[in-house]
């Protein structure tokens, strides 16, 4: 793996993967529950 470190292809790919994982985490843990709460309100009879 050491010979692969200076390759210019891996740094942008790693940054893309990190931001993608961060965005997916925020989307899953914050946005989806908020949207669920907005669209599926509990109706009191």
N, C-alpha and C. Protein backbone atom coordinates (compact mmCIF):
# COMPACT_ATOMS: atom_id res chain seq x y z
N UNK A 1 0.81 -1.20 0.00
CA UNK A 1 0.00 0.00 0.00
C UNK A 1 0.85 1.27 0.00
N UNK A 2 2.05 1.22 0.51
CA UNK A 2 2.90 2.41 0.57
C UNK A 2 3.17 3.00 -0.82
N UNK A 3 3.41 2.20 -1.87
CA UNK A 3 3.64 2.81 -3.19
C UNK A 3 2.42 3.57 -3.72
N UNK A 4 1.24 3.30 -3.21
CA UNK A 4 0.03 3.98 -3.68
C UNK A 4 -0.17 5.35 -3.06
N UNK A 5 0.53 5.67 -1.98
CA UNK A 5 0.31 6.93 -1.27
C UNK A 5 0.54 8.18 -2.12
N UNK A 6 1.59 8.28 -2.92
CA UNK A 6 1.79 9.53 -3.67
C UNK A 6 0.89 9.67 -4.91
N UNK A 7 0.08 8.68 -5.21
CA UNK A 7 -0.77 8.75 -6.40
C UNK A 7 -1.81 9.86 -6.25
N UNK A 8 -1.95 10.69 -7.28
CA UNK A 8 -2.85 11.85 -7.20
C UNK A 8 -4.31 11.45 -7.31
N UNK A 9 -4.60 10.21 -7.64
CA UNK A 9 -5.99 9.77 -7.80
C UNK A 9 -6.66 9.52 -6.46
N UNK A 10 -5.92 9.10 -5.45
CA UNK A 10 -6.53 8.63 -4.22
C UNK A 10 -6.99 9.74 -3.28
N UNK A 11 -6.31 10.88 -3.26
CA UNK A 11 -6.72 11.96 -2.35
C UNK A 11 -8.09 12.52 -2.71
N UNK A 12 -8.38 12.89 -3.96
CA UNK A 12 -9.72 13.38 -4.28
C UNK A 12 -10.80 12.32 -4.05
N UNK A 13 -10.45 11.06 -4.30
CA UNK A 13 -11.42 9.99 -4.08
C UNK A 13 -11.73 9.86 -2.59
N UNK A 14 -10.72 9.96 -1.75
CA UNK A 14 -10.92 9.87 -0.30
C UNK A 14 -11.76 11.03 0.21
N UNK A 15 -11.51 12.23 -0.28
CA UNK A 15 -12.29 13.40 0.13
C UNK A 15 -13.75 13.23 -0.29
N UNK A 16 -13.98 12.74 -1.49
CA UNK A 16 -15.34 12.52 -1.98
C UNK A 16 -16.07 11.49 -1.13
N UNK A 17 -15.39 10.42 -0.78
CA UNK A 17 -16.01 9.38 0.04
C UNK A 17 -16.33 9.92 1.43
N UNK A 18 -15.43 10.70 2.03
CA UNK A 18 -15.67 11.25 3.37
C UNK A 18 -16.86 12.19 3.37
N UNK A 19 -16.93 13.11 2.40
CA UNK A 19 -18.07 14.03 2.36
C UNK A 19 -19.36 13.29 2.05
N UNK A 20 -19.31 12.27 1.22
CA UNK A 20 -20.50 11.48 0.92
C UNK A 20 -21.01 10.76 2.15
N UNK A 21 -20.11 10.18 2.92
CA UNK A 21 -20.52 9.51 4.16
C UNK A 21 -21.08 10.50 5.17
N UNK A 22 -20.47 11.67 5.27
CA UNK A 22 -20.98 12.69 6.19
C UNK A 22 -22.35 13.18 5.79
N UNK A 23 -22.56 13.43 4.50
CA UNK A 23 -23.86 13.88 4.01
C UNK A 23 -24.92 12.82 4.23
N UNK A 24 -24.60 11.56 3.95
CA UNK A 24 -25.56 10.48 4.14
C UNK A 24 -25.92 10.32 5.61
N UNK A 25 -24.96 10.51 6.50
CA UNK A 25 -25.23 10.41 7.93
C UNK A 25 -26.17 11.50 8.39
N UNK A 26 -25.91 12.73 7.98
CA UNK A 26 -26.78 13.85 8.35
C UNK A 26 -28.17 13.64 7.77
N UNK A 27 -28.25 13.20 6.54
CA UNK A 27 -29.54 12.97 5.90
C UNK A 27 -30.32 11.90 6.65
N UNK A 28 -29.67 10.83 7.03
CA UNK A 28 -30.34 9.73 7.70
C UNK A 28 -30.76 10.08 9.12
N UNK A 29 -29.91 10.75 9.86
CA UNK A 29 -30.17 10.98 11.28
C UNK A 29 -30.98 12.24 11.56
N UNK A 30 -31.00 13.21 10.65
CA UNK A 30 -31.69 14.47 10.92
C UNK A 30 -32.82 14.73 9.94
N UNK A 31 -32.55 14.72 8.66
CA UNK A 31 -33.53 15.14 7.66
C UNK A 31 -34.69 14.15 7.56
N UNK A 32 -34.41 12.87 7.51
CA UNK A 32 -35.48 11.88 7.36
C UNK A 32 -36.44 11.89 8.55
N UNK A 33 -35.98 11.91 9.80
CA UNK A 33 -36.94 11.99 10.90
C UNK A 33 -37.76 13.28 10.91
N UNK A 34 -37.15 14.40 10.52
CA UNK A 34 -37.89 15.66 10.47
C UNK A 34 -38.97 15.59 9.41
N UNK A 35 -38.65 15.09 8.23
CA UNK A 35 -39.66 14.95 7.18
C UNK A 35 -40.76 13.98 7.59
N UNK A 36 -40.41 12.90 8.26
CA UNK A 36 -41.41 11.95 8.73
C UNK A 36 -42.35 12.63 9.72
N UNK A 37 -41.79 13.40 10.61
CA UNK A 37 -42.60 14.11 11.61
C UNK A 37 -43.54 15.11 10.95
N UNK A 38 -43.09 15.78 9.91
CA UNK A 38 -43.91 16.77 9.21
C UNK A 38 -45.06 16.10 8.47
N UNK A 39 -44.79 15.02 7.76
CA UNK A 39 -45.79 14.42 6.89
C UNK A 39 -46.67 13.38 7.57
N UNK A 40 -46.29 12.86 8.71
CA UNK A 40 -47.07 11.84 9.41
C UNK A 40 -47.40 12.31 10.82
N UNK A 41 -48.21 13.31 10.88
CA UNK A 41 -48.60 13.83 12.19
C UNK A 41 -49.59 12.89 12.85
N UNK A 42 -49.52 12.80 14.18
CA UNK A 42 -50.45 11.98 14.94
C UNK A 42 -51.76 12.75 15.07
N UNK A 43 -52.85 12.11 14.67
CA UNK A 43 -54.15 12.76 14.73
C UNK A 43 -54.84 12.39 16.03
N UNK A 44 -55.25 13.40 16.79
CA UNK A 44 -55.94 13.17 18.06
C UNK A 44 -57.44 13.11 17.77
N UNK A 45 -58.07 12.03 18.23
CA UNK A 45 -59.51 11.84 17.96
C UNK A 45 -60.33 12.40 19.09
